[in-house]
Amino acid sequence: MIDLESAIGVELLAYVAAKGEPLKVVEMLPGLQDLWFSDERGRYCTEMRIFGYRGREPNGAVFRDGAHA
């Protein structure tokens, strides 16, 4: 997320864009007025990322849905 009202945010965006690699820009949803995380200073954007893995254990056992098959 880039805050375009922040000089550092704009500088960071310019730095990344200058590399010439493709950038993907998307609208932040929900909007600032609808963010659920807030305190007396304002509302904040939060993000949760989850890494999922499905494959084999080092010993060759197949691991699926929290259990060994």
N, C-alpha and C. Protein backbone atom coordinates (compact mmCIF):
# COMPACT_ATOMS: atom_id res chain seq x y z
N MET A 1 0.85 -1.16 0.00
CA MET A 1 0.00 0.00 0.00
C MET A 1 0.90 1.23 0.00
N ILE A 2 0.62 2.16 -0.85
CA ILE A 2 1.39 3.40 -0.93
C ILE A 2 0.49 4.56 -0.56
N ASP A 3 0.90 5.35 0.40
CA ASP A 3 0.18 6.55 0.79
C ASP A 3 0.70 7.69 -0.08
N LEU A 4 -0.11 8.12 -1.05
CA LEU A 4 0.34 9.17 -1.97
C LEU A 4 0.38 10.55 -1.34
N GLU A 5 -0.06 10.67 -0.09
CA GLU A 5 0.05 11.94 0.63
C GLU A 5 1.35 11.99 1.44
N SER A 6 2.12 10.90 1.39
CA SER A 6 3.38 10.83 2.11
C SER A 6 4.53 10.99 1.11
N ALA A 7 5.44 11.93 1.38
CA ALA A 7 6.58 12.14 0.49
C ALA A 7 7.42 10.86 0.38
N ILE A 8 7.59 10.15 1.47
CA ILE A 8 8.38 8.92 1.44
C ILE A 8 7.67 7.86 0.60
N GLY A 9 6.34 7.78 0.72
CA GLY A 9 5.58 6.82 -0.08
C GLY A 9 5.70 7.09 -1.57
N VAL A 10 5.64 8.34 -1.94
CA VAL A 10 5.76 8.72 -3.35
C VAL A 10 7.18 8.44 -3.84
N GLU A 11 8.17 8.73 -3.00
CA GLU A 11 9.56 8.44 -3.37
C GLU A 11 9.77 6.94 -3.57
N LEU A 12 9.19 6.13 -2.70
CA LEU A 12 9.31 4.68 -2.83
C LEU A 12 8.66 4.20 -4.12
N LEU A 13 7.49 4.71 -4.44
CA LEU A 13 6.81 4.34 -5.68
C LEU A 13 7.66 4.73 -6.89
N ALA A 14 8.23 5.92 -6.88
CA ALA A 14 9.07 6.37 -7.99
C ALA A 14 10.30 5.48 -8.14
N TYR A 15 10.89 5.08 -7.02
CA TYR A 15 12.07 4.21 -7.05
C TYR A 15 11.73 2.87 -7.69
N VAL A 16 10.62 2.27 -7.26
CA VAL A 16 10.21 0.97 -7.80
C VAL A 16 9.85 1.09 -9.28
N ALA A 17 9.13 2.16 -9.65
CA ALA A 17 8.71 2.36 -11.04
C ALA A 17 9.91 2.60 -11.95
N ALA A 18 10.96 3.23 -11.44
CA ALA A 18 12.13 3.54 -12.25
C ALA A 18 12.89 2.28 -12.69
N LYS A 19 12.65 1.18 -12.03
CA LYS A 19 13.32 -0.07 -12.40
C LYS A 19 12.79 -0.62 -13.71
N GLY A 20 11.63 -0.13 -14.15
CA GLY A 20 11.09 -0.54 -15.44
C GLY A 20 10.33 -1.86 -15.42
N GLU A 21 10.15 -2.45 -14.24
CA GLU A 21 9.39 -3.68 -14.15
C GLU A 21 7.90 -3.35 -14.05
N PRO A 22 7.04 -4.27 -14.49
CA PRO A 22 5.60 -4.01 -14.42
C PRO A 22 5.13 -3.80 -12.98
N LEU A 23 4.22 -2.86 -12.80
CA LEU A 23 3.61 -2.61 -11.50
C LEU A 23 2.12 -2.89 -11.60
N LYS A 24 1.56 -3.42 -10.55
CA LYS A 24 0.12 -3.64 -10.51
C LYS A 24 -0.45 -2.71 -9.44
N VAL A 25 -1.38 -1.86 -9.82
CA VAL A 25 -2.00 -0.93 -8.89
C VAL A 25 -3.46 -1.31 -8.74
N VAL A 26 -3.88 -1.49 -7.49
CA VAL A 26 -5.28 -1.85 -7.21
C VAL A 26 -5.83 -0.92 -6.14
N GLU A 27 -7.13 -0.75 -6.17
CA GLU A 27 -7.81 0.08 -5.18
C GLU A 27 -7.85 -0.65 -3.84
N MET A 28 -7.59 0.07 -2.76
CA MET A 28 -7.68 -0.53 -1.44
C MET A 28 -9.14 -0.63 -1.04
N LEU A 29 -9.58 -1.82 -0.74
CA LEU A 29 -10.95 -2.02 -0.26
C LEU A 29 -10.88 -2.78 1.06
N PRO A 30 -11.64 -2.46 2.04
CA PRO A 30 -12.62 -1.38 2.06
C PRO A 30 -11.93 -0.01 2.12
N GLY A 31 -12.69 1.03 1.90
CA GLY A 31 -12.17 2.39 1.98
C GLY A 31 -11.81 2.75 3.41
N LEU A 32 -11.08 3.85 3.58
CA LEU A 32 -10.62 4.26 4.91
C LEU A 32 -11.75 4.37 5.93
N GLN A 33 -12.91 4.85 5.52
CA GLN A 33 -14.03 5.03 6.44
C GLN A 33 -14.62 3.71 6.92
N ASP A 34 -14.31 2.60 6.23
CA ASP A 34 -14.88 1.30 6.57
C ASP A 34 -13.89 0.35 7.22
N LEU A 35 -12.68 0.82 7.54
CA LEU A 35 -11.70 -0.06 8.16
C LEU A 35 -12.12 -0.39 9.59
N TRP A 36 -11.99 -1.65 10.00
CA TRP A 36 -12.46 -2.08 11.31
C TRP A 36 -11.45 -1.83 12.43
N PHE A 37 -10.17 -1.74 12.12
CA PHE A 37 -9.14 -1.59 13.14
C PHE A 37 -8.90 -0.11 13.40
N SER A 38 -9.22 0.34 14.60
CA SER A 38 -9.09 1.78 14.87
C SER A 38 -8.76 2.02 16.35
N ASP A 39 -8.28 3.22 16.64
CA ASP A 39 -8.09 3.69 18.01
C ASP A 39 -8.37 5.18 18.02
N GLU A 40 -7.99 5.85 19.10
CA GLU A 40 -8.30 7.28 19.21
C GLU A 40 -7.57 8.14 18.18
N ARG A 41 -6.52 7.60 17.54
CA ARG A 41 -5.76 8.36 16.54
C ARG A 41 -6.26 8.16 15.12
N GLY A 42 -7.08 7.15 14.89
CA GLY A 42 -7.60 6.94 13.54
C GLY A 42 -7.83 5.47 13.22
N ARG A 43 -8.04 5.20 11.93
CA ARG A 43 -8.29 3.85 11.46
C ARG A 43 -7.04 3.34 10.74
N TYR A 44 -6.87 2.02 10.74
CA TYR A 44 -5.67 1.42 10.18
C TYR A 44 -6.02 0.26 9.25
N CYS A 45 -5.21 0.13 8.23
CA CYS A 45 -5.33 -0.99 7.30
C CYS A 45 -4.58 -2.17 7.90
N THR A 46 -5.16 -3.36 7.84
CA THR A 46 -4.49 -4.56 8.32
C THR A 46 -4.47 -5.59 7.20
N GLU A 47 -3.55 -6.50 7.30
CA GLU A 47 -3.43 -7.55 6.28
C GLU A 47 -3.01 -8.84 6.97
N MET A 48 -3.62 -9.93 6.57
CA MET A 48 -3.24 -11.23 7.10
C MET A 48 -2.87 -12.12 5.91
N ARG A 49 -1.70 -12.68 5.96
CA ARG A 49 -1.27 -13.59 4.90
C ARG A 49 -1.07 -14.97 5.51
N ILE A 50 -1.51 -15.96 4.77
CA ILE A 50 -1.39 -17.34 5.23
C ILE A 50 -0.64 -18.13 4.17
N PHE A 51 0.33 -18.89 4.62
CA PHE A 51 1.09 -19.75 3.71
C PHE A 51 0.54 -21.16 3.86
N GLY A 52 0.14 -21.75 2.77
CA GLY A 52 -0.34 -23.12 2.79
C GLY A 52 0.61 -24.01 2.01
N TYR A 53 0.81 -25.21 2.49
CA TYR A 53 1.71 -26.13 1.81
C TYR A 53 1.06 -27.50 1.75
N ARG A 54 1.16 -28.11 0.62
CA ARG A 54 0.66 -29.46 0.45
C ARG A 54 1.72 -30.24 -0.31
N GLY A 55 2.28 -31.21 0.32
CA GLY A 55 3.35 -31.94 -0.33
C GLY A 55 3.85 -33.07 0.54
N ARG A 56 5.11 -33.39 0.39
CA ARG A 56 5.69 -34.51 1.13
C ARG A 56 6.59 -34.01 2.26
N GLU A 57 6.55 -34.74 3.35
CA GLU A 57 7.45 -34.49 4.47
C GLU A 57 8.85 -34.94 4.05
N PRO A 58 9.90 -34.51 4.73
CA PRO A 58 11.25 -34.94 4.38
C PRO A 58 11.41 -36.46 4.37
N ASN A 59 10.63 -37.16 5.20
CA ASN A 59 10.74 -38.62 5.25
C ASN A 59 9.91 -39.30 4.16
N GLY A 60 9.27 -38.52 3.28
CA GLY A 60 8.49 -39.07 2.18
C GLY A 60 7.01 -39.22 2.46
N ALA A 61 6.58 -39.02 3.73
CA ALA A 61 5.16 -39.14 4.07
C ALA A 61 4.39 -37.99 3.44
N VAL A 62 3.19 -38.28 2.97
CA VAL A 62 2.33 -37.24 2.37
C VAL A 62 1.59 -36.53 3.50
N PHE A 63 1.57 -35.21 3.44
CA PHE A 63 0.91 -34.39 4.47
C PHE A 63 -0.27 -33.67 3.85
N ARG A 64 -1.48 -33.96 4.36
CA ARG A 64 -2.69 -33.31 3.82
C ARG A 64 -3.63 -32.95 4.96
N ASP A 65 -4.19 -31.76 4.91
CA ASP A 65 -5.25 -31.34 5.83
C ASP A 65 -4.92 -31.60 7.30
N GLY A 66 -3.70 -31.33 7.67
CA GLY A 66 -3.31 -31.44 9.08
C GLY A 66 -3.03 -32.86 9.55
N ALA A 67 -3.09 -33.84 8.68
CA ALA A 67 -2.86 -35.22 9.09
C ALA A 67 -1.96 -35.92 8.09
N HIS A 68 -1.25 -36.90 8.54
CA HIS A 68 -0.43 -37.71 7.64
C HIS A 68 -1.31 -38.74 6.97
N ALA A 69 -1.14 -38.91 5.66
CA ALA A 69 -1.93 -39.91 4.92
C ALA A 69 -1.18 -41.21 4.83
